[in-house]
C-alpha cells in the first residue's frame, strides 16, 4: 500500500468497502439478534417484574441476583421469555383453526405459503421493522398484564393468604425446586402438549368458550362465521359448475379473465377472509 503512493485513498476505500459489507451482513443478523435475543429477553424481564408479588420478591432482590450472576440471570430470563413467545405463537396457530378466517387479521399467519420472514427481513425498511417491534412489545406486554399481573392482584385482594408462592433458589439438595420447574417447563409440558388428544382437548375448550361468548354477545357470525351460508354457497357453486359443464358453455373473454384472476388470488389455500354479519353496537360487543 505504501509503494502505491496512494495509501490514504486505498485505506479509505477499503475501509468504506468493509463498512458496507458489515452493514449489509448486519442488516439481517442484527434483526435476527433483536427478534430472537432482545425481544424474548424483554418478555422474560417483564414476566418477572409482573410476577414479583407472586413470589414475595422486589426489584432489589432481582438487582442483587443480577449483580451476583449476571450471565445466569440474563439466560434464565431469556429462556422464560423464549418459552412464552413460543407457546403464544402455538396458541395463535390453534386459534386460527377455531376462529373465522379474518378475525386475526392483525397477526401474520405462519402457515401462509406466501409468508417468507427472511425475505421480508431483507426487503422491508428499518422503520417498518422498528414499528413491528414496538407493536409486538405492546401486544405481548399487555397480554402479560392481563393474564399474570391482574389475576395476581385479584387473588391477593380476595385471598390474602394464598400467595406468595415460595421458590427455593438456594438448596443443598442435588435437585432444587427451580431445576424441577425448568424440567417441567422444558420437557414435561412440551411432551404433554404435543400429544394429539391434549391438543384436541384444548382446541375443544377454546371452541366451547368461543361458541358460548359468541352466542351471549351475538358475535357468533364474527367469531366462527356462518357455516350454513358457506355450505349453501358452496353447494350453489358446485351446481353452477355442473350446469355449465353439462351445457358445454364457452365463457366470454371477460369471464375468463375474471376466473383466471380469482384462481391466482385463491392459489395456495382458501381465501384469508370470510364475510360475517355485524350486529348492533358491534364495537361495544
Foldseek 3Di string as FASTA:
>chain_A
DVVVVPVVVVVVVVVVVVVVVVCLVCLQVVLCCCVLPVQLLLLLVLLCQLCCFQAVHDVVVVVVVCVVPVVVSSVVSSVVSVLVVVVVVVVVQLLVVAWAQPLVVVDDDPPQPPDDPSVCSNPPDPVVSVVVSVVVCVVSSVVSCVVGNVVVVVCCVVPVPPDHDHADPDDPDPAGPVNVVVCCSPPVVVVQCPDPVNVVVVSVVVNVVLVVVCVVVVNCCVTHNDPVVVVVVVVVVVVVVVVCVVVVDDDDPVVVVVVVVVCVQCPPHGDSHDDGDQDPPRVVD
